[in-house]
PDB file of N, CA and C in Angstrom:
ATOM      1  N   MET A   1      12.674  -3.667  22.377  1.00  0.00           N
ATOM      2  CA  MET A   1      12.206  -3.575  20.982  1.00  0.00           C
ATOM      3  C   MET A   1      11.105  -4.495  20.814  1.00  0.00           C
ATOM      4  N   SER A   2       9.977  -4.046  20.241  1.00  0.00           N
ATOM      5  CA  SER A   2       8.824  -4.825  19.898  1.00  0.00           C
ATOM      6  C   SER A   2       9.025  -5.832  18.740  1.00  0.00           C
ATOM      7  N   GLU A   3       8.314  -6.904  18.869  1.00  0.00           N
ATOM      8  CA  GLU A   3       8.401  -7.873  17.801  1.00  0.00           C
ATOM      9  C   GLU A   3       7.709  -7.460  16.617  1.00  0.00           C
ATOM     10  N   PHE A   4       8.036  -7.822  15.475  1.00  0.00           N
ATOM     11  CA  PHE A   4       7.461  -7.512  14.211  1.00  0.00           C
ATOM     12  C   PHE A   4       7.350  -8.641  13.272  1.00  0.00           C
ATOM     13  N   PRO A   5       6.248  -8.982  12.715  1.00  0.00           N
ATOM     14  CA  PRO A   5       4.871  -8.326  13.088  1.00  0.00           C
ATOM     15  C   PRO A   5       4.341  -8.708  14.450  1.00  0.00           C
ATOM     16  N   PRO A   6       3.508  -7.911  14.922  1.00  0.00           N
ATOM     17  CA  PRO A   6       3.010  -8.308  16.202  1.00  0.00           C
ATOM     18  C   PRO A   6       2.347  -9.664  16.215  1.00  0.00           C
ATOM     19  N   SER A   7       2.441 -10.361  17.270  1.00  0.00           N
ATOM     20  CA  SER A   7       1.994 -11.724  17.378  1.00  0.00           C
ATOM     21  C   SER A   7       0.479 -11.823  17.121  1.00  0.00           C
ATOM     22  N   SER A   8      -0.245 -10.787  17.426  1.00  0.00           N
ATOM     23  CA  SER A   8      -1.752 -10.829  17.200  1.00  0.00           C
ATOM     24  C   SER A   8      -2.021 -10.788  15.614  1.00  0.00           C
ATOM     25  N   LEU A   9      -1.002 -10.335  14.787  1.00  0.00           N
ATOM     26  CA  LEU A   9      -1.364 -10.312  13.393  1.00  0.00           C
ATOM     27  C   LEU A   9      -0.843 -11.510  12.674  1.00  0.00           C
ATOM     28  N   ARG A  10       0.003 -12.196  13.246  1.00  0.00           N
ATOM     29  CA  ARG A  10       0.651 -13.366  12.504  1.00  0.00           C
ATOM     30  C   ARG A  10      -0.233 -14.423  12.009  1.00  0.00           C
ATOM     31  N   PRO A  11      -1.332 -14.820  12.698  1.00  0.00           N
ATOM     32  CA  PRO A  11      -2.397 -15.793  12.174  1.00  0.00           C
ATOM     33  C   PRO A  11      -3.033 -15.229  10.972  1.00  0.00           C
ATOM     34  N   LEU A  12      -3.348 -13.966  10.975  1.00  0.00           N
ATOM     35  CA  LEU A  12      -4.061 -13.366   9.801  1.00  0.00           C
ATOM     36  C   LEU A  12      -3.133 -13.442   8.602  1.00  0.00           C
ATOM     37  N   ILE A  13      -1.827 -12.934   8.758  1.00  0.00           N
ATOM     38  CA  ILE A  13      -0.875 -12.854   7.720  1.00  0.00           C
ATOM     39  C   ILE A  13      -0.707 -14.328   7.154  1.00  0.00           C
ATOM     40  N   ALA A  14      -0.550 -15.242   8.043  1.00  0.00           N
ATOM     41  CA  ALA A  14      -0.341 -16.733   7.617  1.00  0.00           C
ATOM     42  C   ALA A  14      -1.599 -17.138   6.792  1.00  0.00           C
ATOM     43  N   GLU A  15      -2.800 -16.721   7.300  1.00  0.00           N
ATOM     44  CA  GLU A  15      -4.033 -17.181   6.586  1.00  0.00           C
ATOM     45  C   GLU A  15      -4.074 -16.525   5.092  1.00  0.00           C
ATOM     46  N   VAL A  16      -3.749 -15.307   5.038  1.00  0.00           N
ATOM     47  CA  VAL A  16      -3.709 -14.670   3.660  1.00  0.00           C
ATOM     48  C   VAL A  16      -2.718 -15.248   2.802  1.00  0.00           C
ATOM     49  N   PHE A  17      -1.522 -15.614   3.370  1.00  0.00           N
ATOM     50  CA  PHE A  17      -0.303 -16.101   2.631  1.00  0.00           C
ATOM     51  C   PHE A  17      -0.777 -17.493   2.029  1.00  0.00           C
ATOM     52  N   ASP A  18      -1.326 -18.338   3.054  1.00  0.00           N
ATOM     53  CA  ASP A  18      -1.712 -19.694   2.585  1.00  0.00           C
ATOM     54  C   ASP A  18      -2.786 -19.755   1.564  1.00  0.00           C
ATOM     55  N   LEU A  19      -3.754 -18.866   1.755  1.00  0.00           N
ATOM     56  CA  LEU A  19      -4.936 -18.849   0.762  1.00  0.00           C
ATOM     57  C   LEU A  19      -4.391 -18.375  -0.557  1.00  0.00           C
ATOM     58  N   LEU A  20      -3.544 -17.368  -0.668  1.00  0.00           N
ATOM     59  CA  LEU A  20      -3.096 -16.857  -1.913  1.00  0.00           C
ATOM     60  C   LEU A  20      -2.212 -17.952  -2.629  1.00  0.00           C
ATOM     61  N   ARG A  21      -1.314 -18.624  -1.807  1.00  0.00           N
ATOM     62  CA  ARG A  21      -0.522 -19.618  -2.328  1.00  0.00           C
ATOM     63  C   ARG A  21      -1.182 -20.862  -2.863  1.00  0.00           C
ATOM     64  N   SER A  22      -2.351 -21.281  -2.120  1.00  0.00           N
ATOM     65  CA  SER A  22      -3.068 -22.430  -2.550  1.00  0.00           C
ATOM     66  C   SER A  22      -3.758 -22.182  -3.822  1.00  0.00           C
ATOM     67  N   ARG A  23      -4.200 -20.906  -4.123  1.00  0.00           N
ATOM     68  CA  ARG A  23      -4.954 -20.490  -5.190  1.00  0.00           C
ATOM     69  C   ARG A  23      -3.972 -20.096  -6.484  1.00  0.00           C
ATOM     70  N   GLU A  24      -2.770 -20.098  -6.107  1.00  0.00           N
ATOM     71  CA  GLU A  24      -1.726 -19.641  -7.158  1.00  0.00           C
ATOM     72  C   GLU A  24      -2.065 -18.145  -7.532  1.00  0.00           C
ATOM     73  N   GLU A  25      -2.402 -17.267  -6.557  1.00  0.00           N
ATOM     74  CA  GLU A  25      -2.705 -15.866  -6.752  1.00  0.00           C
ATOM     75  C   GLU A  25      -1.608 -15.025  -6.112  1.00  0.00           C
ATOM     76  N   SER A  26      -1.640 -13.746  -6.471  1.00  0.00           N
ATOM     77  CA  SER A  26      -0.692 -12.921  -5.980  1.00  0.00           C
ATOM     78  C   SER A  26      -1.168 -11.552  -5.431  1.00  0.00           C
ATOM     79  N   VAL A  27      -0.319 -10.868  -4.723  1.00  0.00           N
ATOM     80  CA  VAL A  27      -0.860  -9.666  -4.121  1.00  0.00           C
ATOM     81  C   VAL A  27       0.278  -8.570  -4.223  1.00  0.00           C
ATOM     82  N   SER A  28      -0.101  -7.389  -4.385  1.00  0.00           N
ATOM     83  CA  SER A  28       0.801  -6.215  -4.378  1.00  0.00           C
ATOM     84  C   SER A  28       0.239  -5.232  -3.359  1.00  0.00           C
ATOM     85  N   VAL A  29       0.969  -4.210  -3.093  1.00  0.00           N
ATOM     86  CA  VAL A  29       0.648  -3.242  -2.022  1.00  0.00           C
ATOM     87  C   VAL A  29       0.732  -1.696  -2.502  1.00  0.00           C
ATOM     88  N   ALA A  30      -0.307  -0.963  -2.364  1.00  0.00           N
ATOM     89  CA  ALA A  30      -0.130   0.485  -2.651  1.00  0.00           C
ATOM     90  C   ALA A  30      -0.445   1.140  -1.351  1.00  0.00           C
ATOM     91  N   GLU A  31       0.599   1.635  -0.673  1.00  0.00           N
ATOM     92  CA  GLU A  31       0.373   2.203   0.564  1.00  0.00           C
ATOM     93  C   GLU A  31       0.967   3.720   0.788  1.00  0.00           C
ATOM     94  N   THR A  32       0.335   4.413   1.666  1.00  0.00           N
ATOM     95  CA  THR A  32       0.824   5.773   1.875  1.00  0.00           C
ATOM     96  C   THR A  32       1.033   5.911   3.305  1.00  0.00           C
ATOM     97  N   ALA A  33       0.220   6.152   4.155  1.00  0.00           N
ATOM     98  CA  ALA A  33       0.344   6.444   5.578  1.00  0.00           C
ATOM     99  C   ALA A  33       1.099   5.377   6.364  1.00  0.00           C
ATOM    100  N   ALA A  34       0.873   4.101   5.841  1.00  0.00           N
ATOM    101  CA  ALA A  34       1.516   2.909   6.551  1.00  0.00           C
ATOM    102  C   ALA A  34       2.982   2.881   6.372  1.00  0.00           C
ATOM    103  N   GLY A  35       3.398   3.606   5.393  1.00  0.00           N
ATOM    104  CA  GLY A  35       4.890   3.779   5.156  1.00  0.00           C
ATOM    105  C   GLY A  35       5.658   2.506   4.907  1.00  0.00           C
ATOM    106  N   GLY A  36       5.024   1.473   4.432  1.00  0.00           N
ATOM    107  CA  GLY A  36       5.749   0.172   4.060  1.00  0.00           C
ATOM    108  C   GLY A  36       5.556  -0.954   5.000  1.00  0.00           C
ATOM    109  N   LEU A  37       4.693  -0.735   6.022  1.00  0.00           N
ATOM    110  CA  LEU A  37       4.439  -1.727   7.089  1.00  0.00           C
ATOM    111  C   LEU A  37       3.569  -2.868   6.508  1.00  0.00           C
ATOM    112  N   LEU A  38       2.667  -2.617   5.651  1.00  0.00           N
ATOM    113  CA  LEU A  38       1.842  -3.600   5.097  1.00  0.00           C
ATOM    114  C   LEU A  38       2.629  -4.640   4.250  1.00  0.00           C
ATOM    115  N   SER A  39       3.486  -4.027   3.422  1.00  0.00           N
ATOM    116  CA  SER A  39       4.462  -4.949   2.751  1.00  0.00           C
ATOM    117  C   SER A  39       5.455  -5.631   3.562  1.00  0.00           C
ATOM    118  N   ALA A  40       5.931  -4.957   4.658  1.00  0.00           N
ATOM    119  CA  ALA A  40       6.720  -5.693   5.628  1.00  0.00           C
ATOM    120  C   ALA A  40       6.057  -6.923   6.322  1.00  0.00           C
ATOM    121  N   CYS A  41       4.837  -6.750   6.582  1.00  0.00           N
ATOM    122  CA  CYS A  41       4.010  -7.842   7.180  1.00  0.00           C
ATOM    123  C   CYS A  41       3.960  -9.013   6.175  1.00  0.00           C
ATOM    124  N   LEU A  42       3.698  -8.774   4.985  1.00  0.00           N
ATOM    125  CA  LEU A  42       3.644  -9.859   4.015  1.00  0.00           C
ATOM    126  C   LEU A  42       4.930 -10.514   3.795  1.00  0.00           C
ATOM    127  N   LEU A  43       5.972  -9.710   3.768  1.00  0.00           N
ATOM    128  CA  LEU A  43       7.280 -10.221   3.475  1.00  0.00           C
ATOM    129  C   LEU A  43       7.926 -10.910   4.752  1.00  0.00           C
ATOM    130  N   SER A  44       7.323 -10.889   5.822  1.00  0.00           N
ATOM    131  CA  SER A  44       7.733 -11.536   7.078  1.00  0.00           C
ATOM    132  C   SER A  44       7.534 -12.970   6.908  1.00  0.00           C
ATOM    133  N   MET A  45       6.783 -13.431   5.934  1.00  0.00           N
ATOM    134  CA  MET A  45       6.440 -14.908   5.901  1.00  0.00           C
ATOM    135  C   MET A  45       7.584 -15.521   4.981  1.00  0.00           C
ATOM    136  N   PRO A  46       8.018 -16.682   5.393  1.00  0.00           N
ATOM    137  CA  PRO A  46       9.105 -17.467   4.535  1.00  0.00           C
ATOM    138  C   PRO A  46       8.362 -17.833   3.324  1.00  0.00           C
ATOM    139  N   GLY A  47       8.995 -17.559   2.119  1.00  0.00           N
ATOM    140  CA  GLY A  47       8.413 -18.026   0.892  1.00  0.00           C
ATOM    141  C   GLY A  47       7.478 -16.822   0.250  1.00  0.00           C
ATOM    142  N   ALA A  48       7.615 -15.765   0.872  1.00  0.00           N
ATOM    143  CA  ALA A  48       6.751 -14.541   0.480  1.00  0.00           C
ATOM    144  C   ALA A  48       6.825 -14.283  -1.102  1.00  0.00           C
ATOM    145  N   SER A  49       7.992 -14.608  -1.687  1.00  0.00           N
ATOM    146  CA  SER A  49       8.169 -14.317  -3.153  1.00  0.00           C
ATOM    147  C   SER A  49       7.069 -15.073  -3.996  1.00  0.00           C
ATOM    148  N   SER A  50       6.579 -16.066  -3.398  1.00  0.00           N
ATOM    149  CA  SER A  50       5.610 -17.001  -4.136  1.00  0.00           C
ATOM    150  C   SER A  50       4.293 -16.217  -4.240  1.00  0.00           C
ATOM    151  N   ILE A  51       4.004 -15.288  -3.465  1.00  0.00           N
ATOM    152  CA  ILE A  51       2.800 -14.546  -3.554  1.00  0.00           C
ATOM    153  C   ILE A  51       2.827 -13.062  -3.730  1.00  0.00           C
ATOM    154  N   TYR A  52       3.971 -12.442  -3.294  1.00  0.00           N
ATOM    155  CA  TYR A  52       4.081 -10.974  -3.261  1.00  0.00           C
ATOM    156  C   TYR A  52       4.750 -10.500  -4.538  1.00  0.00           C
ATOM    157  N   ARG A  53       4.086  -9.570  -5.165  1.00  0.00           N
ATOM    158  CA  ARG A  53       4.563  -9.058  -6.501  1.00  0.00           C
ATOM    159  C   ARG A  53       5.348  -7.729  -6.304  1.00  0.00           C
ATOM    160  N   GLY A  54       5.176  -7.119  -5.253  1.00  0.00           N
ATOM    161  CA  GLY A  54       5.906  -5.838  -5.013  1.00  0.00           C
ATOM    162  C   GLY A  54       5.034  -4.820  -4.388  1.00  0.00           C
ATOM    163  N   GLY A  55       5.442  -3.749  -4.046  1.00  0.00           N
ATOM    164  CA  GLY A  55       4.744  -2.642  -3.412  1.00  0.00           C
ATOM    165  C   GLY A  55       5.235  -1.404  -3.745  1.00  0.00           C
ATOM    166  N   LEU A  56       4.363  -0.395  -3.483  1.00  0.00           N
ATOM    167  CA  LEU A  56       4.684   1.003  -3.856  1.00  0.00           C
ATOM    168  C   LEU A  56       4.189   1.843  -2.443  1.00  0.00           C
ATOM    169  N   THR A  57       5.274   2.356  -1.909  1.00  0.00           N
ATOM    170  CA  THR A  57       5.001   3.309  -0.837  1.00  0.00           C
ATOM    171  C   THR A  57       5.138   4.735  -1.222  1.00  0.00           C
ATOM    172  N   VAL A  58       4.035   5.363  -1.383  1.00  0.00           N
ATOM    173  CA  VAL A  58       3.939   6.824  -1.954  1.00  0.00           C
ATOM    174  C   VAL A  58       3.495   7.697  -0.786  1.00  0.00           C
ATOM    175  N   TYR A  59       4.393   8.004   0.102  1.00  0.00           N
ATOM    176  CA  TYR A  59       4.024   8.721   1.335  1.00  0.00           C
ATOM    177  C   TYR A  59       3.797  10.243   1.114  1.00  0.00           C
ATOM    178  N   THR A  60       4.302  10.677   0.008  1.00  0.00           N
ATOM    179  CA  THR A  60       4.067  12.127  -0.228  1.00  0.00           C
ATOM    180  C   THR A  60       3.420  12.357  -1.690  1.00  0.00           C
ATOM    181  N   LEU A  61       2.872  13.539  -1.977  1.00  0.00           N
ATOM    182  CA  LEU A  61       2.368  13.789  -3.204  1.00  0.00           C
ATOM    183  C   LEU A  61       3.351  13.749  -4.297  1.00  0.00           C
ATOM    184  N   GLU A  62       4.541  14.174  -3.992  1.00  0.00           N
ATOM    185  CA  GLU A  62       5.641  14.221  -4.966  1.00  0.00           C
ATOM    186  C   GLU A  62       5.982  12.834  -5.318  1.00  0.00           C
ATOM    187  N   SER A  63       5.964  11.802  -4.434  1.00  0.00           N
ATOM    188  CA  SER A  63       6.325  10.499  -4.827  1.00  0.00           C
ATOM    189  C   SER A  63       5.157   9.784  -5.622  1.00  0.00           C
ATOM    190  N   ARG A  64       3.942  10.242  -5.526  1.00  0.00           N
ATOM    191  CA  ARG A  64       2.878   9.901  -6.313  1.00  0.00           C
ATOM    192  C   ARG A  64       2.983  10.253  -7.766  1.00  0.00           C
ATOM    193  N   ILE A  65       3.572  11.469  -7.918  1.00  0.00           N
ATOM    194  CA  ILE A  65       3.865  11.934  -9.188  1.00  0.00           C
ATOM    195  C   ILE A  65       5.043  11.128  -9.896  1.00  0.00           C
ATOM    196  N   ALA A  66       6.073  10.815  -9.114  1.00  0.00           N
ATOM    197  CA  ALA A  66       7.190  10.221  -9.499  1.00  0.00           C
ATOM    198  C   ALA A  66       6.957   8.696  -9.877  1.00  0.00           C
ATOM    199  N   PHE A  67       6.127   8.061  -9.124  1.00  0.00           N
ATOM    200  CA  PHE A  67       6.059   6.545  -9.126  1.00  0.00           C
ATOM    201  C   PHE A  67       4.562   5.986  -9.357  1.00  0.00           C
ATOM    202  N   ALA A  68       3.597   6.839  -9.124  1.00  0.00           N
ATOM    203  CA  ALA A  68       2.232   6.276  -9.114  1.00  0.00           C
ATOM    204  C   ALA A  68       1.395   6.696 -10.312  1.00  0.00           C
ATOM    205  N   GLY A  69       1.960   7.339 -11.240  1.00  0.00           N
ATOM    206  CA  GLY A  69       1.278   7.760 -12.474  1.00  0.00           C
ATOM    207  C   GLY A  69       0.573   9.024 -12.333  1.00  0.00           C
ATOM    208  N   TRP A  70       0.614   9.818 -11.303  1.00  0.00           N
ATOM    209  CA  TRP A  70      -0.129  10.942 -11.053  1.00  0.00           C
ATOM    210  C   TRP A  70       0.441  12.077 -12.061  1.00  0.00           C
ATOM    211  N   THR A  71      -0.517  13.018 -12.301  1.00  0.00           N
ATOM    212  CA  THR A  71      -0.131  14.161 -13.189  1.00  0.00           C
ATOM    213  C   THR A  71      -0.515  15.504 -12.496  1.00  0.00           C
ATOM    214  N   LYS A  72      -0.275  16.587 -13.099  1.00  0.00           N
ATOM    215  CA  LYS A  72      -0.680  17.858 -12.482  1.00  0.00           C
ATOM    216  C   LYS A  72      -2.196  17.911 -12.261  1.00  0.00           C
ATOM    217  N   GLU A  73      -2.984  17.241 -13.126  1.00  0.00           N
ATOM    218  CA  GLU A  73      -4.481  17.266 -12.908  1.00  0.00           C
ATOM    219  C   GLU A  73      -4.883  16.528 -11.669  1.00  0.00           C
ATOM    220  N   HIS A  74      -4.168  15.508 -11.251  1.00  0.00           N
ATOM    221  CA  HIS A  74      -4.449  14.807  -9.994  1.00  0.00           C
ATOM    222  C   HIS A  74      -4.187  15.801  -8.804  1.00  0.00           C
ATOM    223  N   LEU A  75      -3.133  16.549  -8.801  1.00  0.00           N
ATOM    224  CA  LEU A  75      -2.920  17.549  -7.827  1.00  0.00           C
ATOM    225  C   LEU A  75      -3.945  18.724  -7.732  1.00  0.00           C
ATOM    226  N   ASP A  76      -4.333  19.044  -8.903  1.00  0.00           N
ATOM    227  CA  ASP A  76      -5.291  20.075  -9.064  1.00  0.00           C
ATOM    228  C   ASP A  76      -6.592  19.774  -8.335  1.00  0.00           C
ATOM    229  N   GLN A  77      -6.939  18.491  -8.489  1.00  0.00           N
ATOM    230  CA  GLN A  77      -8.282  17.876  -8.025  1.00  0.00           C
ATOM    231  C   GLN A  77      -8.137  17.263  -6.634  1.00  0.00           C
ATOM    232  N   TYR A  78      -6.986  17.196  -6.114  1.00  0.00           N
ATOM    233  CA  TYR A  78      -6.731  16.508  -4.889  1.00  0.00           C
ATOM    234  C   TYR A  78      -7.540  17.097  -3.630  1.00  0.00           C
ATOM    235  N   LYS A  79      -8.208  16.059  -2.965  1.00  0.00           N
ATOM    236  CA  LYS A  79      -9.146  16.570  -1.934  1.00  0.00           C
ATOM    237  C   LYS A  79      -8.759  15.667  -0.661  1.00  0.00           C
ATOM    238  N   GLY A  80      -7.620  15.162  -0.634  1.00  0.00           N
ATOM    239  CA  GLY A  80      -7.226  14.304   0.493  1.00  0.00           C
ATOM    240  C   GLY A  80      -7.354  12.792   0.197  1.00  0.00           C
ATOM    241  N   PRO A  81      -7.120  11.996   1.117  1.00  0.00           N
ATOM    242  CA  PRO A  81      -7.179  10.475   0.882  1.00  0.00           C
ATOM    243  C   PRO A  81      -8.591   9.862   0.780  1.00  0.00           C
ATOM    244  N   THR A  82      -9.153  10.190  -0.410  1.00  0.00           N
ATOM    245  CA  THR A  82     -10.553   9.680  -0.567  1.00  0.00           C
ATOM    246  C   THR A  82     -10.484   8.275  -1.107  1.00  0.00           C
ATOM    247  N   PRO A  83     -11.730   7.534  -0.941  1.00  0.00           N
ATOM    248  CA  PRO A  83     -11.753   6.162  -1.501  1.00  0.00           C
ATOM    249  C   PRO A  83     -11.326   6.123  -2.985  1.00  0.00           C
ATOM    250  N   GLU A  84     -11.654   7.195  -3.730  1.00  0.00           N
ATOM    251  CA  GLU A  84     -11.330   7.098  -5.088  1.00  0.00           C
ATOM    252  C   GLU A  84      -9.712   7.246  -5.345  1.00  0.00           C
ATOM    253  N   ILE A  85      -9.107   8.018  -4.515  1.00  0.00           N
ATOM    254  CA  ILE A  85      -7.668   8.156  -4.494  1.00  0.00           C
ATOM    255  C   ILE A  85      -7.029   6.791  -4.267  1.00  0.00           C
ATOM    256  N   VAL A  86      -7.459   6.176  -3.172  1.00  0.00           N
ATOM    257  CA  VAL A  86      -6.885   4.936  -2.779  1.00  0.00           C
ATOM    258  C   VAL A  86      -7.115   3.797  -3.925  1.00  0.00           C
ATOM    259  N   ALA A  87      -8.373   3.779  -4.526  1.00  0.00           N
ATOM    260  CA  ALA A  87      -8.719   2.803  -5.530  1.00  0.00           C
ATOM    261  C   ALA A  87      -7.876   3.073  -6.789  1.00  0.00           C
ATOM    262  N   GLY A  88      -7.538   4.404  -7.069  1.00  0.00           N
ATOM    263  CA  GLY A  88      -6.753   4.695  -8.202  1.00  0.00           C
ATOM    264  C   GLY A  88      -5.328   4.213  -8.020  1.00  0.00           C
ATOM    265  N   LEU A  89      -4.790   4.442  -6.814  1.00  0.00           N
ATOM    266  CA  LEU A  89      -3.399   3.953  -6.512  1.00  0.00           C
ATOM    267  C   LEU A  89      -3.321   2.515  -6.520  1.00  0.00           C
ATOM    268  N   ALA A  90      -4.343   1.731  -6.047  1.00  0.00           N
ATOM    269  CA  ALA A  90      -4.363   0.315  -6.093  1.00  0.00           C
ATOM    270  C   ALA A  90      -4.426  -0.157  -7.621  1.00  0.00           C
ATOM    271  N   ASP A  91      -5.361   0.484  -8.297  1.00  0.00           N
ATOM    272  CA  ASP A  91      -5.498  -0.057  -9.693  1.00  0.00           C
ATOM    273  C   ASP A  91      -4.185   0.170 -10.522  1.00  0.00           C
ATOM    274  N   HIS A  92      -3.460   1.300 -10.176  1.00  0.00           N
ATOM    275  CA  HIS A  92      -2.239   1.498 -10.894  1.00  0.00           C
ATOM    276  C   HIS A  92      -1.130   0.484 -10.599  1.00  0.00           C
ATOM    277  N   VAL A  93      -0.993   0.141  -9.231  1.00  0.00           N
ATOM    278  CA  VAL A  93      -0.041  -0.859  -8.864  1.00  0.00           C
ATOM    279  C   VAL A  93      -0.407  -2.269  -9.343  1.00  0.00           C
ATOM    280  N   ARG A  94      -1.735  -2.597  -9.254  1.00  0.00           N
ATOM    281  CA  ARG A  94      -2.189  -3.942  -9.644  1.00  0.00           C
ATOM    282  C   ARG A  94      -1.819  -4.069 -11.284  1.00  0.00           C
ATOM    283  N   GLU A  95      -2.098  -3.066 -11.989  1.00  0.00           N
ATOM    284  CA  GLU A  95      -1.820  -3.134 -13.496  1.00  0.00           C
ATOM    285  C   GLU A  95      -0.263  -3.219 -13.769  1.00  0.00           C
ATOM    286  N   LYS A  96       0.483  -2.325 -13.099  1.00  0.00           N
ATOM    287  CA  LYS A  96       1.881  -2.437 -13.379  1.00  0.00           C
ATOM    288  C   LYS A  96       2.501  -3.781 -12.817  1.00  0.00           C
ATOM    289  N   LEU A  97       2.134  -4.227 -11.837  1.00  0.00           N
ATOM    290  CA  LEU A  97       2.791  -5.419 -11.304  1.00  0.00           C
ATOM    291  C   LEU A  97       2.084  -6.689 -11.679  1.00  0.00           C
ATOM    292  N   GLU A  98       0.890  -6.560 -12.312  1.00  0.00           N
ATOM    293  CA  GLU A  98       0.163  -7.781 -12.741  1.00  0.00           C
ATOM    294  C   GLU A  98      -0.180  -8.667 -11.595  1.00  0.00           C
ATOM    295  N   SER A  99      -0.589  -8.196 -10.480  1.00  0.00           N
ATOM    296  CA  SER A  99      -0.965  -9.055  -9.307  1.00  0.00           C
ATOM    297  C   SER A  99      -2.417  -9.415  -9.421  1.00  0.00           C
ATOM    298  N   THR A 100      -2.891 -10.425  -8.852  1.00  0.00           N
ATOM    299  CA  THR A 100      -4.247 -10.851  -8.674  1.00  0.00           C
ATOM    300  C   THR A 100      -5.055  -9.640  -7.883  1.00  0.00           C
ATOM    301  N   TYR A 101      -4.440  -9.274  -6.691  1.00  0.00           N
ATOM    302  CA  TYR A 101      -5.101  -8.370  -5.816  1.00  0.00           C
ATOM    303  C   TYR A 101      -4.030  -7.319  -5.421  1.00  0.00           C
ATOM    304  N   THR A 102      -4.528  -6.164  -5.042  1.00  0.00           N
ATOM    305  CA  THR A 102      -3.775  -5.132  -4.487  1.00  0.00           C
ATOM    306  C   THR A 102      -4.324  -4.598  -3.170  1.00  0.00           C
ATOM    307  N   ILE A 103      -3.510  -4.516  -2.137  1.00  0.00           N
ATOM    308  CA  ILE A 103      -4.040  -3.940  -0.919  1.00  0.00           C
ATOM    309  C   ILE A 103      -3.651  -2.299  -1.025  1.00  0.00           C
ATOM    310  N   GLY A 104      -4.631  -1.528  -0.858  1.00  0.00           N
ATOM    311  CA  GLY A 104      -4.414  -0.126  -0.864  1.00  0.00           C
ATOM    312  C   GLY A 104      -4.895   0.584   0.444  1.00  0.00           C
ATOM    313  N   GLU A 105      -4.046   1.434   0.907  1.00  0.00           N
ATOM    314  CA  GLU A 105      -4.394   2.307   2.073  1.00  0.00           C
ATOM    315  C   GLU A 105      -3.901   3.678   1.792  1.00  0.00           C
ATOM    316  N   SER A 106      -4.521   4.627   2.662  1.00  0.00           N
ATOM    317  CA  SER A 106      -4.106   5.980   2.590  1.00  0.00           C
ATOM    318  C   SER A 106      -4.678   6.630   3.751  1.00  0.00           C
ATOM    319  N   GLY A 107      -4.065   7.736   4.146  1.00  0.00           N
ATOM    320  CA  GLY A 107      -4.613   8.435   5.341  1.00  0.00           C
ATOM    321  C   GLY A 107      -3.790   9.604   5.558  1.00  0.00           C
ATOM    322  N   THR A 108      -3.938  10.304   6.687  1.00  0.00           N
ATOM    323  CA  THR A 108      -3.043  11.339   7.101  1.00  0.00           C
ATOM    324  C   THR A 108      -2.360  10.857   8.329  1.00  0.00           C
ATOM    325  N   ALA A 109      -1.051  10.860   8.286  1.00  0.00           N
ATOM    326  CA  ALA A 109      -0.260  10.288   9.294  1.00  0.00           C
ATOM    327  C   ALA A 109       0.541  11.403   9.946  1.00  0.00           C
ATOM    328  N   GLY A 110       1.100  10.988  11.128  1.00  0.00           N
ATOM    329  CA  GLY A 110       1.840  12.003  11.948  1.00  0.00           C
ATOM    330  C   GLY A 110       1.228  12.268  13.274  1.00  0.00           C
ATOM    331  N   PRO A 111       1.859  12.832  14.190  1.00  0.00           N
ATOM    332  CA  PRO A 111       1.501  12.987  15.576  1.00  0.00           C
ATOM    333  C   PRO A 111       0.367  13.922  15.723  1.00  0.00           C
ATOM    334  N   THR A 112       0.187  14.874  14.765  1.00  0.00           N
ATOM    335  CA  THR A 112      -0.891  15.795  14.836  1.00  0.00           C
ATOM    336  C   THR A 112      -2.021  15.510  14.080  1.00  0.00           C
ATOM    337  N   GLY A 113      -1.971  14.524  13.190  1.00  0.00           N
ATOM    338  CA  GLY A 113      -3.073  14.216  12.335  1.00  0.00           C
ATOM    339  C   GLY A 113      -3.162  14.957  11.080  1.00  0.00           C
ATOM    340  N   GLY A 114      -2.488  16.143  11.030  1.00  0.00           N
ATOM    341  CA  GLY A 114      -2.462  16.972   9.856  1.00  0.00           C
ATOM    342  C   GLY A 114      -3.736  17.692   9.685  1.00  0.00           C
ATOM    343  N   THR A 115      -3.734  18.907   9.049  1.00  0.00           N
ATOM    344  CA  THR A 115      -4.975  19.666   8.852  1.00  0.00           C
ATOM    345  C   THR A 115      -5.145  20.237   7.407  1.00  0.00           C
ATOM    346  N   THR A 116      -3.839  20.175   6.703  1.00  0.00           N
ATOM    347  CA  THR A 116      -3.927  20.581   5.270  1.00  0.00           C
ATOM    348  C   THR A 116      -4.264  19.404   4.298  1.00  0.00           C
ATOM    349  N   ARG A 117      -5.063  19.806   3.275  1.00  0.00           N
ATOM    350  CA  ARG A 117      -5.392  18.767   2.314  1.00  0.00           C
ATOM    351  C   ARG A 117      -4.243  18.408   1.397  1.00  0.00           C
ATOM    352  N   ASN A 118      -3.664  19.477   0.888  1.00  0.00           N
ATOM    353  CA  ASN A 118      -2.627  19.360  -0.227  1.00  0.00           C
ATOM    354  C   ASN A 118      -1.334  19.949   0.346  1.00  0.00           C
ATOM    355  N   ARG A 119      -0.340  19.047   0.580  1.00  0.00           N
ATOM    356  CA  ARG A 119       0.836  19.320   1.186  1.00  0.00           C
ATOM    357  C   ARG A 119       2.006  19.714   0.165  1.00  0.00           C
ATOM    358  N   ILE A 120       1.681  20.052  -1.016  1.00  0.00           N
ATOM    359  CA  ILE A 120       2.864  20.403  -1.992  1.00  0.00           C
ATOM    360  C   ILE A 120       3.104  21.851  -1.716  1.00  0.00           C
ATOM    361  N   PRO A 121       4.349  22.213  -1.524  1.00  0.00           N
ATOM    362  CA  PRO A 121       4.692  23.686  -1.296  1.00  0.00           C
ATOM    363  C   PRO A 121       4.509  24.519  -2.517  1.00  0.00           C
TER     364      PRO A 121
END
């Protein structure tokens, strides 16, 4: 079994944690393709509750409707994981959790990389 988080990431995670704590700032996470791994990295630090406000893992378009404030209009206009989509998810999470910063990511995950833009049946 591999160690988590990877030892190569631990110094960066510690640096982010220490910087946020020293500034009394907070972070939240809006992630899709990472499936919760970004939150897990932050939560691996002892005392994470002092900087981590929470996270939203919205892996599917259905979960974005249920939890990320998306509407039918979002789906009608969906063109894949664009910078605007990621920024919108991050803005939603930052507003709801009242964090100083939000880390946002999106992409197409899976062994084949996916070819369809909108995966709602």
